[in-house]
Amino acid sequence: MTERPIIPPELPPRQQRSGCATALGILAGLILLFPMACVLVVFPNQITRNDLVDPIGLLFIGAAIAGIVLIGVAVTRWRGSA
C-alpha cells in the first residue's frame, strides 16, 4: 500500500491593511511629537533639568514618547502587511 504525502492545510490569505490607517497613525504621532520638538528648537539653552521634571515638562515628554511609539507601530504594521 502506498502512502500519500501529508499536505498541510492551506492558510487563509493575509488581510490587507489600510494605508489610510497607517498614514493617520504617522500623522497623529507627528502631532504628538510637535510640542516637545518646538520646545527643544526654540528654547534649547534655557531648558533645565527642573523644567523637564515639572508636570508640564513630563506631559511634553510623555506625549513625545507616545508619538514615537505610535509612529513605530504604524510603520511596523505597514511593513508587516506587505
N, C-alpha and C. Protein backbone atom coordinates (compact mmCIF):
# COMPACT_ATOMS: atom_id res chain seq x y z
N MET A 1 0.84 -1.16 0.00
CA MET A 1 0.00 0.00 0.00
C MET A 1 0.90 1.25 0.00
N THR A 2 0.63 2.16 -0.88
CA THR A 2 1.45 3.36 -0.95
C THR A 2 0.86 4.43 -0.03
N GLU A 3 1.78 5.18 0.55
CA GLU A 3 1.34 6.23 1.46
C GLU A 3 1.22 7.55 0.71
N ARG A 4 0.18 8.27 1.00
CA ARG A 4 0.01 9.59 0.41
C ARG A 4 0.83 10.61 1.21
N PRO A 5 1.46 11.55 0.53
CA PRO A 5 2.20 12.57 1.28
C PRO A 5 1.22 13.44 2.07
N ILE A 6 1.67 13.84 3.23
CA ILE A 6 0.83 14.69 4.07
C ILE A 6 0.95 16.13 3.57
N ILE A 7 -0.15 16.70 3.20
CA ILE A 7 -0.19 18.07 2.69
C ILE A 7 -0.78 18.96 3.78
N PRO A 8 -0.03 19.99 4.17
CA PRO A 8 -0.58 20.88 5.21
C PRO A 8 -1.77 21.66 4.67
N PRO A 9 -2.69 22.00 5.55
CA PRO A 9 -3.86 22.76 5.08
C PRO A 9 -3.42 24.15 4.60
N GLU A 10 -4.15 24.67 3.64
CA GLU A 10 -3.82 25.99 3.11
C GLU A 10 -4.21 27.05 4.11
N LEU A 11 -3.34 28.03 4.24
CA LEU A 11 -3.62 29.13 5.14
C LEU A 11 -4.52 30.14 4.44
N PRO A 12 -5.37 30.80 5.22
CA PRO A 12 -6.22 31.83 4.58
C PRO A 12 -5.35 32.98 4.10
N PRO A 13 -5.77 33.70 3.09
CA PRO A 13 -4.95 34.82 2.59
C PRO A 13 -4.82 35.91 3.65
N ARG A 14 -3.68 36.58 3.64
CA ARG A 14 -3.45 37.67 4.60
C ARG A 14 -4.40 38.82 4.30
N GLN A 15 -4.89 39.40 5.38
CA GLN A 15 -5.77 40.55 5.20
C GLN A 15 -4.92 41.77 4.88
N GLN A 16 -5.38 42.55 3.95
CA GLN A 16 -4.68 43.77 3.58
C GLN A 16 -4.94 44.82 4.65
N ARG A 17 -3.89 45.55 5.01
CA ARG A 17 -4.05 46.63 5.98
C ARG A 17 -4.30 47.93 5.23
N SER A 18 -4.99 48.79 5.89
CA SER A 18 -5.36 50.05 5.27
C SER A 18 -4.18 51.01 5.28
N GLY A 19 -3.85 51.55 4.14
CA GLY A 19 -2.81 52.56 4.06
C GLY A 19 -3.24 53.85 4.72
N CYS A 20 -4.54 54.09 4.73
CA CYS A 20 -5.07 55.29 5.36
C CYS A 20 -4.85 55.23 6.88
N ALA A 21 -5.05 54.07 7.48
CA ALA A 21 -4.82 53.93 8.92
C ALA A 21 -3.35 54.15 9.26
N THR A 22 -2.47 53.67 8.41
CA THR A 22 -1.04 53.89 8.62
C THR A 22 -0.71 55.37 8.54
N ALA A 23 -1.24 56.05 7.54
CA ALA A 23 -0.98 57.48 7.39
C ALA A 23 -1.54 58.27 8.57
N LEU A 24 -2.72 57.91 9.05
CA LEU A 24 -3.29 58.59 10.20
C LEU A 24 -2.47 58.34 11.47
N GLY A 25 -1.95 57.12 11.62
CA GLY A 25 -1.10 56.82 12.76
C GLY A 25 0.18 57.64 12.75
N ILE A 26 0.79 57.76 11.58
CA ILE A 26 2.01 58.56 11.47
C ILE A 26 1.70 60.04 11.71
N LEU A 27 0.59 60.53 11.17
CA LEU A 27 0.22 61.93 11.37
C LEU A 27 -0.06 62.22 12.84
N ALA A 28 -0.77 61.33 13.51
CA ALA A 28 -1.05 61.52 14.93
C ALA A 28 0.24 61.49 15.75
N GLY A 29 1.17 60.61 15.38
CA GLY A 29 2.45 60.56 16.07
C GLY A 29 3.25 61.84 15.89
N LEU A 30 3.21 62.41 14.69
CA LEU A 30 3.91 63.67 14.45
C LEU A 30 3.27 64.81 15.24
N ILE A 31 1.95 64.80 15.35
CA ILE A 31 1.26 65.82 16.14
C ILE A 31 1.65 65.71 17.61
N LEU A 32 1.80 64.50 18.11
CA LEU A 32 2.22 64.31 19.50
C LEU A 32 3.68 64.72 19.71
N LEU A 33 4.50 64.57 18.69
CA LEU A 33 5.91 64.96 18.81
C LEU A 33 6.11 66.47 18.72
N PHE A 34 5.20 67.17 18.09
CA PHE A 34 5.36 68.59 17.79
C PHE A 34 5.64 69.48 19.00
N PRO A 35 4.90 69.37 20.11
CA PRO A 35 5.17 70.30 21.23
C PRO A 35 6.59 70.17 21.79
N MET A 36 7.08 68.96 21.97
CA MET A 36 8.43 68.79 22.52
C MET A 36 9.48 69.24 21.52
N ALA A 37 9.25 69.00 20.25
CA ALA A 37 10.20 69.44 19.24
C ALA A 37 10.27 70.96 19.20
N CYS A 38 9.13 71.62 19.34
CA CYS A 38 9.13 73.08 19.35
C CYS A 38 9.90 73.62 20.55
N VAL A 39 9.69 73.02 21.70
CA VAL A 39 10.40 73.48 22.90
C VAL A 39 11.90 73.30 22.72
N LEU A 40 12.31 72.17 22.17
CA LEU A 40 13.74 71.91 22.00
C LEU A 40 14.37 72.80 20.93
N VAL A 41 13.60 73.19 19.92
CA VAL A 41 14.15 74.04 18.86
C VAL A 41 14.17 75.51 19.28
N VAL A 42 13.11 75.98 19.94
CA VAL A 42 13.00 77.39 20.27
C VAL A 42 13.82 77.76 21.51
N PHE A 43 13.83 76.88 22.52
CA PHE A 43 14.49 77.19 23.79
C PHE A 43 15.55 76.15 24.17
N PRO A 44 16.50 75.83 23.31
CA PRO A 44 17.44 74.75 23.64
C PRO A 44 18.36 75.08 24.82
N ASN A 45 18.75 76.33 24.99
CA ASN A 45 19.70 76.68 26.05
C ASN A 45 19.02 77.07 27.34
N GLN A 46 17.71 77.27 27.32
CA GLN A 46 17.00 77.72 28.51
C GLN A 46 16.34 76.59 29.28
N ILE A 47 16.39 75.38 28.78
CA ILE A 47 15.75 74.25 29.45
C ILE A 47 16.69 73.69 30.50
N THR A 48 16.16 73.56 31.72
CA THR A 48 16.95 72.96 32.81
C THR A 48 16.33 71.61 33.17
N ARG A 49 17.02 70.90 34.02
CA ARG A 49 16.51 69.60 34.47
C ARG A 49 15.21 69.79 35.24
N ASN A 50 15.10 70.87 36.01
CA ASN A 50 13.87 71.12 36.76
C ASN A 50 12.68 71.35 35.84
N ASP A 51 12.92 71.96 34.69
CA ASP A 51 11.83 72.17 33.74
C ASP A 51 11.29 70.84 33.20
N LEU A 52 12.16 69.88 33.03
CA LEU A 52 11.73 68.59 32.49
C LEU A 52 11.02 67.73 33.53
N VAL A 53 11.24 68.03 34.81
CA VAL A 53 10.60 67.25 35.88
C VAL A 53 9.27 67.87 36.30
N ASP A 54 9.01 69.10 35.92
CA ASP A 54 7.73 69.74 36.20
C ASP A 54 6.61 68.97 35.51
N PRO A 55 5.38 69.10 36.00
CA PRO A 55 4.26 68.38 35.36
C PRO A 55 4.09 68.70 33.87
N ILE A 56 4.28 69.95 33.49
CA ILE A 56 4.14 70.30 32.06
C ILE A 56 5.27 69.65 31.26
N GLY A 57 6.48 69.65 31.79
CA GLY A 57 7.60 69.01 31.10
C GLY A 57 7.38 67.52 30.95
N LEU A 58 6.86 66.90 32.01
CA LEU A 58 6.57 65.46 31.93
C LEU A 58 5.46 65.18 30.92
N LEU A 59 4.52 66.10 30.82
CA LEU A 59 3.46 65.94 29.83
C LEU A 59 4.01 66.00 28.42
N PHE A 60 4.91 66.95 28.17
CA PHE A 60 5.55 67.05 26.85
C PHE A 60 6.38 65.81 26.53
N ILE A 61 7.14 65.35 27.52
CA ILE A 61 7.97 64.15 27.31
C ILE A 61 7.08 62.93 27.06
N GLY A 62 6.01 62.80 27.83
CA GLY A 62 5.08 61.68 27.64
C GLY A 62 4.42 61.70 26.28
N ALA A 63 4.03 62.89 25.84
CA ALA A 63 3.42 63.00 24.52
C ALA A 63 4.42 62.65 23.43
N ALA A 64 5.67 63.09 23.59
CA ALA A 64 6.70 62.77 22.60
C ALA A 64 6.96 61.27 22.54
N ILE A 65 7.02 60.64 23.69
CA ILE A 65 7.24 59.18 23.72
C ILE A 65 6.05 58.46 23.08
N ALA A 66 4.84 58.91 23.39
CA ALA A 66 3.64 58.31 22.78
C ALA A 66 3.65 58.49 21.26
N GLY A 67 4.11 59.65 20.81
CA GLY A 67 4.19 59.90 19.37
C GLY A 67 5.20 58.97 18.69
N ILE A 68 6.34 58.78 19.33
CA ILE A 68 7.36 57.88 18.77
C ILE A 68 6.84 56.45 18.71
N VAL A 69 6.18 56.02 19.77
CA VAL A 69 5.62 54.66 19.80
C VAL A 69 4.54 54.51 18.73
N LEU A 70 3.68 55.50 18.59
CA LEU A 70 2.61 55.42 17.59
C LEU A 70 3.16 55.36 16.17
N ILE A 71 4.18 56.15 15.89
CA ILE A 71 4.80 56.10 14.57
C ILE A 71 5.45 54.74 14.35
N GLY A 72 6.12 54.23 15.36
CA GLY A 72 6.76 52.92 15.24
C GLY A 72 5.76 51.81 14.98
N VAL A 73 4.64 51.83 15.69
CA VAL A 73 3.61 50.81 15.49
C VAL A 73 3.01 50.92 14.09
N ALA A 74 2.75 52.13 13.65
CA ALA A 74 2.15 52.32 12.31
C ALA A 74 3.09 51.84 11.22
N VAL A 75 4.37 52.14 11.35
CA VAL A 75 5.34 51.75 10.31
C VAL A 75 5.56 50.24 10.32
N THR A 76 5.68 49.62 11.49
CA THR A 76 5.91 48.17 11.52
C THR A 76 4.69 47.40 11.04
N ARG A 77 3.51 47.88 11.32
CA ARG A 77 2.31 47.20 10.80
C ARG A 77 2.23 47.36 9.29
N TRP A 78 2.64 48.52 8.78
CA TRP A 78 2.61 48.75 7.35
C TRP A 78 3.62 47.86 6.66
N ARG A 79 4.81 47.73 7.21
CA ARG A 79 5.83 46.86 6.61
C ARG A 79 5.44 45.40 6.75
N GLY A 80 4.80 45.04 7.85
CA GLY A 80 4.43 43.66 8.07
C GLY A 80 3.32 43.17 7.16
N SER A 81 2.53 44.08 6.61
CA SER A 81 1.42 43.65 5.76
C SER A 81 1.84 43.40 4.32
N ALA A 82 3.02 43.84 3.95
CA ALA A 82 3.46 43.67 2.56
C ALA A 82 3.91 42.27 2.28
